[in-house]
Amino acid sequence: MISSPFNTSASNFGNAAMQTADVPWDTPVEMRLGADGPGETGAYIEVSTTHGFAKRIPIDEARLSECREEQEGPAGITLCQQLVDDLVAQIRTAVKEAVRG
């Protein structure tokens, strides 16, 4: 659950989503944060396996900007929570795809 104040960096959203996804420790996948550019430009969460599966889940820069603009108050908390929840859903889907192989 997002609370105020919340650090609105892409890596913070990625970490919050990976923790909230609550993937069991014995699931044969790895998750990591990455970025295509300097800083957090093109930030993503990658779900992968040793068998060649890899899926990148982008952390939407436009939605991050919205969260930063509305950071204070209930509207900002709601936007941030929705972004984390969406990332969690995408992580869980990627993990299911990875396990199915």
PDB file of N, CA and C in Angstrom:
ATOM      1  N   MET A   1       0.836  -1.173   0.000  1.00  0.00           N
ATOM      2  CA  MET A   1       0.000   0.000   0.000  1.00  0.00           C
ATOM      3  C   MET A   1       0.884   1.241   0.000  1.00  0.00           C
ATOM      4  N   ILE A   2       0.623   2.127  -0.930  1.00  0.00           N
ATOM      5  CA  ILE A   2       1.367   3.371  -1.043  1.00  0.00           C
ATOM      6  C   ILE A   2       0.911   4.322   0.055  1.00  0.00           C
ATOM      7  N   SER A   3       1.864   5.024   0.641  1.00  0.00           N
ATOM      8  CA  SER A   3       1.516   6.034   1.628  1.00  0.00           C
ATOM      9  C   SER A   3       2.291   7.305   1.326  1.00  0.00           C
ATOM     10  N   SER A   4       1.891   8.369   1.921  1.00  0.00           N
ATOM     11  CA  SER A   4       2.562   9.645   1.704  1.00  0.00           C
ATOM     12  C   SER A   4       3.556   9.836   2.836  1.00  0.00           C
ATOM     13  N   PRO A   5       4.733  10.329   2.620  1.00  0.00           N
ATOM     14  CA  PRO A   5       5.336  10.628   1.321  1.00  0.00           C
ATOM     15  C   PRO A   5       5.908   9.364   0.671  1.00  0.00           C
ATOM     16  N   PHE A   6       5.790   9.302  -0.630  1.00  0.00           N
ATOM     17  CA  PHE A   6       6.270   8.161  -1.406  1.00  0.00           C
ATOM     18  C   PHE A   6       7.297   8.659  -2.404  1.00  0.00           C
ATOM     19  N   ASN A   7       8.459   8.042  -2.439  1.00  0.00           N
ATOM     20  CA  ASN A   7       9.506   8.406  -3.388  1.00  0.00           C
ATOM     21  C   ASN A   7       9.053   7.967  -4.774  1.00  0.00           C
ATOM     22  N   THR A   8       8.922   8.904  -5.698  1.00  0.00           N
ATOM     23  CA  THR A   8       8.349   8.602  -7.012  1.00  0.00           C
ATOM     24  C   THR A   8       9.399   8.280  -8.076  1.00  0.00           C
ATOM     25  N   SER A   9      10.508   7.695  -7.678  1.00  0.00           N
ATOM     26  CA  SER A   9      11.484   7.250  -8.671  1.00  0.00           C
ATOM     27  C   SER A   9      10.992   5.962  -9.318  1.00  0.00           C
ATOM     28  N   ALA A  10      11.387   5.743 -10.549  1.00  0.00           N
ATOM     29  CA  ALA A  10      10.986   4.519 -11.260  1.00  0.00           C
ATOM     30  C   ALA A  10      11.462   3.283 -10.505  1.00  0.00           C
ATOM     31  N   SER A  11      12.656   3.340  -9.949  1.00  0.00           N
ATOM     32  CA  SER A  11      13.181   2.180  -9.229  1.00  0.00           C
ATOM     33  C   SER A  11      12.350   1.887  -7.974  1.00  0.00           C
ATOM     34  N   ASN A  12      11.845   2.925  -7.336  1.00  0.00           N
ATOM     35  CA  ASN A  12      11.005   2.705  -6.166  1.00  0.00           C
ATOM     36  C   ASN A  12       9.690   2.033  -6.555  1.00  0.00           C
ATOM     37  N   PHE A  13       9.095   2.477  -7.668  1.00  0.00           N
ATOM     38  CA  PHE A  13       7.881   1.825  -8.148  1.00  0.00           C
ATOM     39  C   PHE A  13       8.164   0.381  -8.525  1.00  0.00           C
ATOM     40  N   GLY A  14       9.283   0.138  -9.209  1.00  0.00           N
ATOM     41  CA  GLY A  14       9.643  -1.220  -9.599  1.00  0.00           C
ATOM     42  C   GLY A  14       9.851  -2.130  -8.406  1.00  0.00           C
ATOM     43  N   ASN A  15      10.579  -1.630  -7.408  1.00  0.00           N
ATOM     44  CA  ASN A  15      10.807  -2.430  -6.204  1.00  0.00           C
ATOM     45  C   ASN A  15       9.507  -2.709  -5.465  1.00  0.00           C
ATOM     46  N   ALA A  16       8.641  -1.688  -5.355  1.00  0.00           N
ATOM     47  CA  ALA A  16       7.356  -1.883  -4.679  1.00  0.00           C
ATOM     48  C   ALA A  16       6.528  -2.945  -5.402  1.00  0.00           C
ATOM     49  N   ALA A  17       6.529  -2.895  -6.728  1.00  0.00           N
ATOM     50  CA  ALA A  17       5.758  -3.867  -7.509  1.00  0.00           C
ATOM     51  C   ALA A  17       6.331  -5.274  -7.361  1.00  0.00           C
ATOM     52  N   MET A  18       7.653  -5.409  -7.419  1.00  0.00           N
ATOM     53  CA  MET A  18       8.252  -6.739  -7.298  1.00  0.00           C
ATOM     54  C   MET A  18       7.973  -7.345  -5.926  1.00  0.00           C
ATOM     55  N   GLN A  19       8.021  -6.526  -4.875  1.00  0.00           N
ATOM     56  CA  GLN A  19       7.725  -7.032  -3.529  1.00  0.00           C
ATOM     57  C   GLN A  19       6.251  -7.384  -3.384  1.00  0.00           C
ATOM     58  N   THR A  20       5.384  -6.553  -3.928  1.00  0.00           N
ATOM     59  CA  THR A  20       3.949  -6.775  -3.811  1.00  0.00           C
ATOM     60  C   THR A  20       3.493  -7.979  -4.631  1.00  0.00           C
ATOM     61  N   ALA A  21       4.197  -8.270  -5.726  1.00  0.00           N
ATOM     62  CA  ALA A  21       3.836  -9.423  -6.561  1.00  0.00           C
ATOM     63  C   ALA A  21       3.932 -10.716  -5.772  1.00  0.00           C
ATOM     64  N   ASP A  22       4.778 -10.723  -4.737  1.00  0.00           N
ATOM     65  CA  ASP A  22       4.862 -11.840  -3.813  1.00  0.00           C
ATOM     66  C   ASP A  22       5.050 -13.183  -4.528  1.00  0.00           C
ATOM     67  N   VAL A  23       6.039 -13.229  -5.411  1.00  0.00           N
ATOM     68  CA  VAL A  23       6.362 -14.459  -6.132  1.00  0.00           C
ATOM     69  C   VAL A  23       7.066 -15.404  -5.152  1.00  0.00           C
ATOM     70  N   PRO A  24       6.572 -16.632  -5.001  1.00  0.00           N
ATOM     71  CA  PRO A  24       7.217 -17.573  -4.070  1.00  0.00           C
ATOM     72  C   PRO A  24       8.708 -17.741  -4.379  1.00  0.00           C
ATOM     73  N   TRP A  25       9.497 -17.877  -3.353  1.00  0.00           N
ATOM     74  CA  TRP A  25      10.952 -17.928  -3.499  1.00  0.00           C
ATOM     75  C   TRP A  25      11.417 -19.102  -4.357  1.00  0.00           C
ATOM     76  N   ASP A  26      10.632 -20.174  -4.420  1.00  0.00           N
ATOM     77  CA  ASP A  26      11.061 -21.347  -5.183  1.00  0.00           C
ATOM     78  C   ASP A  26      10.556 -21.337  -6.633  1.00  0.00           C
ATOM     79  N   THR A  27       9.939 -20.250  -7.066  1.00  0.00           N
ATOM     80  CA  THR A  27       9.523 -20.121  -8.462  1.00  0.00           C
ATOM     81  C   THR A  27      10.776 -19.881  -9.297  1.00  0.00           C
ATOM     82  N   PRO A  28      10.964 -20.650 -10.379  1.00  0.00           N
ATOM     83  CA  PRO A  28      12.219 -20.570 -11.141  1.00  0.00           C
ATOM     84  C   PRO A  28      12.301 -19.350 -12.072  1.00  0.00           C
ATOM     85  N   VAL A  29      12.142 -18.165 -11.513  1.00  0.00           N
ATOM     86  CA  VAL A  29      12.278 -16.935 -12.288  1.00  0.00           C
ATOM     87  C   VAL A  29      13.173 -15.962 -11.537  1.00  0.00           C
ATOM     88  N   GLU A  30      13.731 -15.046 -12.295  1.00  0.00           N
ATOM     89  CA  GLU A  30      14.492 -13.956 -11.715  1.00  0.00           C
ATOM     90  C   GLU A  30      13.814 -12.662 -12.120  1.00  0.00           C
ATOM     91  N   MET A  31      13.836 -11.689 -11.228  1.00  0.00           N
ATOM     92  CA  MET A  31      13.310 -10.362 -11.537  1.00  0.00           C
ATOM     93  C   MET A  31      14.409  -9.352 -11.244  1.00  0.00           C
ATOM     94  N   ARG A  32      14.484  -8.355 -12.127  1.00  0.00           N
ATOM     95  CA  ARG A  32      15.462  -7.300 -11.897  1.00  0.00           C
ATOM     96  C   ARG A  32      14.951  -6.002 -12.493  1.00  0.00           C
ATOM     97  N   LEU A  33      15.492  -4.908 -11.998  1.00  0.00           N
ATOM     98  CA  LEU A  33      15.195  -3.593 -12.554  1.00  0.00           C
ATOM     99  C   LEU A  33      16.273  -3.248 -13.564  1.00  0.00           C
ATOM    100  N   GLY A  34      15.895  -2.516 -14.594  1.00  0.00           N
ATOM    101  CA  GLY A  34      16.857  -2.066 -15.587  1.00  0.00           C
ATOM    102  C   GLY A  34      16.383  -0.771 -16.218  1.00  0.00           C
ATOM    103  N   ALA A  35      17.247  -0.195 -17.033  1.00  0.00           N
ATOM    104  CA  ALA A  35      16.900   1.029 -17.763  1.00  0.00           C
ATOM    105  C   ALA A  35      17.673   1.033 -19.072  1.00  0.00           C
ATOM    106  N   ASP A  36      17.039   1.581 -20.103  1.00  0.00           N
ATOM    107  CA  ASP A  36      17.671   1.649 -21.417  1.00  0.00           C
ATOM    108  C   ASP A  36      18.583   2.856 -21.568  1.00  0.00           C
ATOM    109  N   GLY A  37      18.438   3.824 -20.697  1.00  0.00           N
ATOM    110  CA  GLY A  37      19.205   5.049 -20.824  1.00  0.00           C
ATOM    111  C   GLY A  37      19.776   5.483 -19.491  1.00  0.00           C
ATOM    112  N   PRO A  38      20.340   6.690 -19.481  1.00  0.00           N
ATOM    113  CA  PRO A  38      20.921   7.194 -18.241  1.00  0.00           C
ATOM    114  C   PRO A  38      19.843   7.443 -17.184  1.00  0.00           C
ATOM    115  N   GLY A  39      20.221   7.283 -15.954  1.00  0.00           N
ATOM    116  CA  GLY A  39      19.256   7.476 -14.878  1.00  0.00           C
ATOM    117  C   GLY A  39      18.156   6.456 -14.973  1.00  0.00           C
ATOM    118  N   GLU A  40      16.933   6.941 -15.059  1.00  0.00           N
ATOM    119  CA  GLU A  40      15.782   6.031 -15.111  1.00  0.00           C
ATOM    120  C   GLU A  40      15.071   6.101 -16.455  1.00  0.00           C
ATOM    121  N   THR A  41      15.755   6.572 -17.482  1.00  0.00           N
ATOM    122  CA  THR A  41      15.156   6.659 -18.812  1.00  0.00           C
ATOM    123  C   THR A  41      14.918   5.253 -19.346  1.00  0.00           C
ATOM    124  N   GLY A  42      13.677   4.970 -19.704  1.00  0.00           N
ATOM    125  CA  GLY A  42      13.345   3.646 -20.217  1.00  0.00           C
ATOM    126  C   GLY A  42      13.415   2.578 -19.154  1.00  0.00           C
ATOM    127  N   ALA A  43      13.002   2.898 -17.928  1.00  0.00           N
ATOM    128  CA  ALA A  43      13.068   1.938 -16.825  1.00  0.00           C
ATOM    129  C   ALA A  43      12.097   0.782 -17.058  1.00  0.00           C
ATOM    130  N   TYR A  44      12.492  -0.391 -16.588  1.00  0.00           N
ATOM    131  CA  TYR A  44      11.662  -1.584 -16.748  1.00  0.00           C
ATOM    132  C   TYR A  44      11.967  -2.598 -15.665  1.00  0.00           C
ATOM    133  N   ILE A  45      11.056  -3.546 -15.532  1.00  0.00           N
ATOM    134  CA  ILE A  45      11.250  -4.725 -14.697  1.00  0.00           C
ATOM    135  C   ILE A  45      11.397  -5.884 -15.673  1.00  0.00           C
ATOM    136  N   GLU A  46      12.405  -6.711 -15.476  1.00  0.00           N
ATOM    137  CA  GLU A  46      12.585  -7.869 -16.351  1.00  0.00           C
ATOM    138  C   GLU A  46      12.335  -9.139 -15.558  1.00  0.00           C
ATOM    139  N   VAL A  47      11.485  -9.984 -16.113  1.00  0.00           N
ATOM    140  CA  VAL A  47      11.218 -11.306 -15.553  1.00  0.00           C
ATOM    141  C   VAL A  47      11.855 -12.296 -16.515  1.00  0.00           C
ATOM    142  N   SER A  48      12.721 -13.174 -15.987  1.00  0.00           N
ATOM    143  CA  SER A  48      13.426 -14.104 -16.872  1.00  0.00           C
ATOM    144  C   SER A  48      13.645 -15.453 -16.189  1.00  0.00           C
ATOM    145  N   THR A  49      14.016 -16.418 -17.026  1.00  0.00           N
ATOM    146  CA  THR A  49      14.383 -17.748 -16.540  1.00  0.00           C
ATOM    147  C   THR A  49      15.714 -18.138 -17.161  1.00  0.00           C
ATOM    148  N   THR A  50      16.299 -19.186 -16.641  1.00  0.00           N
ATOM    149  CA  THR A  50      17.554 -19.693 -17.210  1.00  0.00           C
ATOM    150  C   THR A  50      17.311 -20.453 -18.508  1.00  0.00           C
ATOM    151  N   HIS A  51      16.038 -20.684 -18.842  1.00  0.00           N
ATOM    152  CA  HIS A  51      15.684 -21.430 -20.056  1.00  0.00           C
ATOM    153  C   HIS A  51      15.376 -20.519 -21.239  1.00  0.00           C
ATOM    154  N   GLY A  52      15.735 -19.233 -21.134  1.00  0.00           N
ATOM    155  CA  GLY A  52      15.594 -18.333 -22.264  1.00  0.00           C
ATOM    156  C   GLY A  52      14.389 -17.425 -22.263  1.00  0.00           C
ATOM    157  N   PHE A  53      13.480 -17.594 -21.312  1.00  0.00           N
ATOM    158  CA  PHE A  53      12.327 -16.696 -21.250  1.00  0.00           C
ATOM    159  C   PHE A  53      12.783 -15.361 -20.688  1.00  0.00           C
ATOM    160  N   ALA A  54      12.361 -14.277 -21.319  1.00  0.00           N
ATOM    161  CA  ALA A  54      12.634 -12.935 -20.789  1.00  0.00           C
ATOM    162  C   ALA A  54      11.521 -12.000 -21.242  1.00  0.00           C
ATOM    163  N   LYS A  55      10.971 -11.282 -20.300  1.00  0.00           N
ATOM    164  CA  LYS A  55       9.933 -10.309 -20.625  1.00  0.00           C
ATOM    165  C   LYS A  55      10.240  -9.018 -19.879  1.00  0.00           C
ATOM    166  N   ARG A  56      10.220  -7.922 -20.639  1.00  0.00           N
ATOM    167  CA  ARG A  56      10.418  -6.606 -20.050  1.00  0.00           C
ATOM    168  C   ARG A  56       9.073  -5.942 -19.821  1.00  0.00           C
ATOM    169  N   ILE A  57       8.902  -5.429 -18.640  1.00  0.00           N
ATOM    170  CA  ILE A  57       7.690  -4.709 -18.270  1.00  0.00           C
ATOM    171  C   ILE A  57       8.094  -3.249 -18.071  1.00  0.00           C
ATOM    172  N   PRO A  58       7.732  -2.382 -19.010  1.00  0.00           N
ATOM    173  CA  PRO A  58       8.151  -0.985 -18.897  1.00  0.00           C
ATOM    174  C   PRO A  58       7.444  -0.267 -17.745  1.00  0.00           C
ATOM    175  N   ILE A  59       8.177   0.624 -17.111  1.00  0.00           N
ATOM    176  CA  ILE A  59       7.604   1.495 -16.095  1.00  0.00           C
ATOM    177  C   ILE A  59       7.279   2.800 -16.818  1.00  0.00           C
ATOM    178  N   ASP A  60       6.011   3.010 -17.053  1.00  0.00           N
ATOM    179  CA  ASP A  60       5.503   4.086 -17.900  1.00  0.00           C
ATOM    180  C   ASP A  60       5.943   5.469 -17.400  1.00  0.00           C
ATOM    181  N   GLU A  61       6.756   6.145 -18.220  1.00  0.00           N
ATOM    182  CA  GLU A  61       7.278   7.456 -17.842  1.00  0.00           C
ATOM    183  C   GLU A  61       6.172   8.504 -17.727  1.00  0.00           C
ATOM    184  N   ALA A  62       5.146   8.433 -18.566  1.00  0.00           N
ATOM    185  CA  ALA A  62       4.042   9.392 -18.496  1.00  0.00           C
ATOM    186  C   ALA A  62       3.280   9.238 -17.177  1.00  0.00           C
ATOM    187  N   ARG A  63       3.067   7.998 -16.773  1.00  0.00           N
ATOM    188  CA  ARG A  63       2.357   7.771 -15.505  1.00  0.00           C
ATOM    189  C   ARG A  63       3.218   8.181 -14.314  1.00  0.00           C
ATOM    190  N   LEU A  64       4.539   7.985 -14.432  1.00  0.00           N
ATOM    191  CA  LEU A  64       5.430   8.460 -13.375  1.00  0.00           C
ATOM    192  C   LEU A  64       5.324   9.973 -13.235  1.00  0.00           C
ATOM    193  N   SER A  65       5.296  10.658 -14.356  1.00  0.00           N
ATOM    194  CA  SER A  65       5.171  12.121 -14.333  1.00  0.00           C
ATOM    195  C   SER A  65       3.874  12.547 -13.668  1.00  0.00           C
ATOM    196  N   GLU A  66       2.783  11.862 -13.984  1.00  0.00           N
ATOM    197  CA  GLU A  66       1.496  12.174 -13.352  1.00  0.00           C
ATOM    198  C   GLU A  66       1.584  12.006 -11.836  1.00  0.00           C
ATOM    199  N   CYS A  67       2.217  10.924 -11.413  1.00  0.00           N
ATOM    200  CA  CYS A  67       2.365  10.689  -9.969  1.00  0.00           C
ATOM    201  C   CYS A  67       3.189  11.791  -9.323  1.00  0.00           C
ATOM    202  N   ARG A  68       4.236  12.219  -9.990  1.00  0.00           N
ATOM    203  CA  ARG A  68       5.092  13.280  -9.444  1.00  0.00           C
ATOM    204  C   ARG A  68       4.338  14.600  -9.346  1.00  0.00           C
ATOM    205  N   GLU A  69       3.504  14.887 -10.347  1.00  0.00           N
ATOM    206  CA  GLU A  69       2.737  16.129 -10.344  1.00  0.00           C
ATOM    207  C   GLU A  69       1.669  16.135  -9.259  1.00  0.00           C
ATOM    208  N   GLU A  70       1.082  14.983  -8.990  1.00  0.00           N
ATOM    209  CA  GLU A  70       0.000  14.869  -8.010  1.00  0.00           C
ATOM    210  C   GLU A  70       0.480  14.224  -6.719  1.00  0.00           C
ATOM    211  N   GLN A  71       1.751  14.306  -6.450  1.00  0.00           N
ATOM    212  CA  GLN A  71       2.376  13.572  -5.359  1.00  0.00           C
ATOM    213  C   GLN A  71       1.711  13.802  -4.002  1.00  0.00           C
ATOM    214  N   GLU A  72       1.294  15.006  -3.741  1.00  0.00           N
ATOM    215  CA  GLU A  72       0.706  15.302  -2.436  1.00  0.00           C
ATOM    216  C   GLU A  72      -0.787  14.992  -2.431  1.00  0.00           C
ATOM    217  N   GLY A  73      -1.261  14.446  -1.371  1.00  0.00           N
ATOM    218  CA  GLY A  73      -2.690  14.245  -1.200  1.00  0.00           C
ATOM    219  C   GLY A  73      -3.221  12.923  -1.717  1.00  0.00           C
ATOM    220  N   PRO A  74      -4.497  12.693  -1.516  1.00  0.00           N
ATOM    221  CA  PRO A  74      -5.130  11.415  -1.861  1.00  0.00           C
ATOM    222  C   PRO A  74      -5.094  11.090  -3.355  1.00  0.00           C
ATOM    223  N   ALA A  75      -5.231  12.094  -4.212  1.00  0.00           N
ATOM    224  CA  ALA A  75      -5.217  11.827  -5.658  1.00  0.00           C
ATOM    225  C   ALA A  75      -3.864  11.275  -6.083  1.00  0.00           C
ATOM    226  N   GLY A  76      -2.803  11.836  -5.556  1.00  0.00           N
ATOM    227  CA  GLY A  76      -1.457  11.358  -5.880  1.00  0.00           C
ATOM    228  C   GLY A  76      -1.205   9.957  -5.373  1.00  0.00           C
ATOM    229  N   ILE A  77      -1.654   9.695  -4.167  1.00  0.00           N
ATOM    230  CA  ILE A  77      -1.489   8.353  -3.605  1.00  0.00           C
ATOM    231  C   ILE A  77      -2.252   7.338  -4.442  1.00  0.00           C
ATOM    232  N   THR A  78      -3.455   7.691  -4.869  1.00  0.00           N
ATOM    233  CA  THR A  78      -4.258   6.791  -5.702  1.00  0.00           C
ATOM    234  C   THR A  78      -3.567   6.513  -7.028  1.00  0.00           C
ATOM    235  N   LEU A  79      -3.041   7.553  -7.684  1.00  0.00           N
ATOM    236  CA  LEU A  79      -2.332   7.360  -8.962  1.00  0.00           C
ATOM    237  C   LEU A  79      -1.120   6.450  -8.785  1.00  0.00           C
ATOM    238  N   CYS A  80      -0.359   6.697  -7.737  1.00  0.00           N
ATOM    239  CA  CYS A  80       0.830   5.880  -7.481  1.00  0.00           C
ATOM    240  C   CYS A  80       0.460   4.427  -7.204  1.00  0.00           C
ATOM    241  N   GLN A  81      -0.594   4.229  -6.401  1.00  0.00           N
ATOM    242  CA  GLN A  81      -1.031   2.867  -6.089  1.00  0.00           C
ATOM    243  C   GLN A  81      -1.498   2.143  -7.343  1.00  0.00           C
ATOM    244  N   GLN A  82      -2.208   2.842  -8.212  1.00  0.00           N
ATOM    245  CA  GLN A  82      -2.684   2.232  -9.459  1.00  0.00           C
ATOM    246  C   GLN A  82      -1.515   1.803 -10.338  1.00  0.00           C
ATOM    247  N   LEU A  83      -0.476   2.620 -10.397  1.00  0.00           N
ATOM    248  CA  LEU A  83       0.702   2.259 -11.194  1.00  0.00           C
ATOM    249  C   LEU A  83       1.361   1.006 -10.622  1.00  0.00           C
ATOM    250  N   VAL A  84       1.543   0.954  -9.316  1.00  0.00           N
ATOM    251  CA  VAL A  84       2.134  -0.235  -8.689  1.00  0.00           C
ATOM    252  C   VAL A  84       1.247  -1.455  -8.938  1.00  0.00           C
ATOM    253  N   ASP A  85      -0.053  -1.302  -8.762  1.00  0.00           N
ATOM    254  CA  ASP A  85      -0.973  -2.429  -8.967  1.00  0.00           C
ATOM    255  C   ASP A  85      -0.905  -2.953 -10.407  1.00  0.00           C
ATOM    256  N   ASP A  86      -0.827  -2.041 -11.376  1.00  0.00           N
ATOM    257  CA  ASP A  86      -0.721  -2.454 -12.776  1.00  0.00           C
ATOM    258  C   ASP A  86       0.583  -3.204 -13.034  1.00  0.00           C
ATOM    259  N   LEU A  87       1.674  -2.722 -12.457  1.00  0.00           N
ATOM    260  CA  LEU A  87       2.958  -3.415 -12.609  1.00  0.00           C
ATOM    261  C   LEU A  87       2.905  -4.796 -11.969  1.00  0.00           C
ATOM    262  N   VAL A  88       2.278  -4.900 -10.804  1.00  0.00           N
ATOM    263  CA  VAL A  88       2.134  -6.193 -10.115  1.00  0.00           C
ATOM    264  C   VAL A  88       1.381  -7.181 -11.003  1.00  0.00           C
ATOM    265  N   ALA A  89       0.291  -6.735 -11.598  1.00  0.00           N
ATOM    266  CA  ALA A  89      -0.488  -7.622 -12.473  1.00  0.00           C
ATOM    267  C   ALA A  89       0.355  -8.095 -13.651  1.00  0.00           C
ATOM    268  N   GLN A  90       1.142  -7.212 -14.221  1.00  0.00           N
ATOM    269  CA  GLN A  90       1.991  -7.592 -15.350  1.00  0.00           C
ATOM    270  C   GLN A  90       3.100  -8.551 -14.918  1.00  0.00           C
ATOM    271  N   ILE A  91       3.648  -8.348 -13.730  1.00  0.00           N
ATOM    272  CA  ILE A  91       4.665  -9.262 -13.209  1.00  0.00           C
ATOM    273  C   ILE A  91       4.068 -10.649 -13.018  1.00  0.00           C
ATOM    274  N   ARG A  92       2.912 -10.726 -12.399  1.00  0.00           N
ATOM    275  CA  ARG A  92       2.280 -12.032 -12.149  1.00  0.00           C
ATOM    276  C   ARG A  92       1.975 -12.756 -13.455  1.00  0.00           C
ATOM    277  N   THR A  93       1.529 -12.018 -14.463  1.00  0.00           N
ATOM    278  CA  THR A  93       1.271 -12.626 -15.776  1.00  0.00           C
ATOM    279  C   THR A  93       2.565 -13.146 -16.379  1.00  0.00           C
ATOM    280  N   ALA A  94       3.634 -12.355 -16.312  1.00  0.00           N
ATOM    281  CA  ALA A  94       4.926 -12.776 -16.863  1.00  0.00           C
ATOM    282  C   ALA A  94       5.457 -14.010 -16.140  1.00  0.00           C
ATOM    283  N   VAL A  95       5.294 -14.054 -14.828  1.00  0.00           N
ATOM    284  CA  VAL A  95       5.756 -15.223 -14.063  1.00  0.00           C
ATOM    285  C   VAL A  95       4.982 -16.470 -14.494  1.00  0.00           C
ATOM    286  N   LYS A  96       3.673 -16.345 -14.671  1.00  0.00           N
ATOM    287  CA  LYS A  96       2.867 -17.492 -15.125  1.00  0.00           C
ATOM    288  C   LYS A  96       3.334 -17.962 -16.504  1.00  0.00           C
ATOM    289  N   GLU A  97       3.593 -17.017 -17.420  1.00  0.00           N
ATOM    290  CA  GLU A  97       4.088 -17.372 -18.743  1.00  0.00           C
ATOM    291  C   GLU A  97       5.452 -18.054 -18.649  1.00  0.00           C
ATOM    292  N   ALA A  98       6.309 -17.566 -17.786  1.00  0.00           N
ATOM    293  CA  ALA A  98       7.648 -18.136 -17.644  1.00  0.00           C
ATOM    294  C   ALA A  98       7.596 -19.558 -17.115  1.00  0.00           C
ATOM    295  N   VAL A  99       6.733 -19.785 -16.144  1.00  0.00           N
ATOM    296  CA  VAL A  99       6.632 -21.121 -15.533  1.00  0.00           C
ATOM    297  C   VAL A  99       6.044 -22.117 -16.516  1.00  0.00           C
ATOM    298  N   ARG A 100       5.092 -21.667 -17.345  1.00  0.00           N
ATOM    299  CA  ARG A 100       4.510 -22.548 -18.355  1.00  0.00           C
ATOM    300  C   ARG A 100       5.532 -22.916 -19.417  1.00  0.00           C
ATOM    301  N   GLY A 101       6.495 -22.026 -19.613  1.00  0.00           N
ATOM    302  CA  GLY A 101       7.595 -22.275 -20.532  1.00  0.00           C
ATOM    303  C   GLY A 101       7.257 -22.243 -21.942  1.00  0.00           C
TER     304      GLY A 101
END
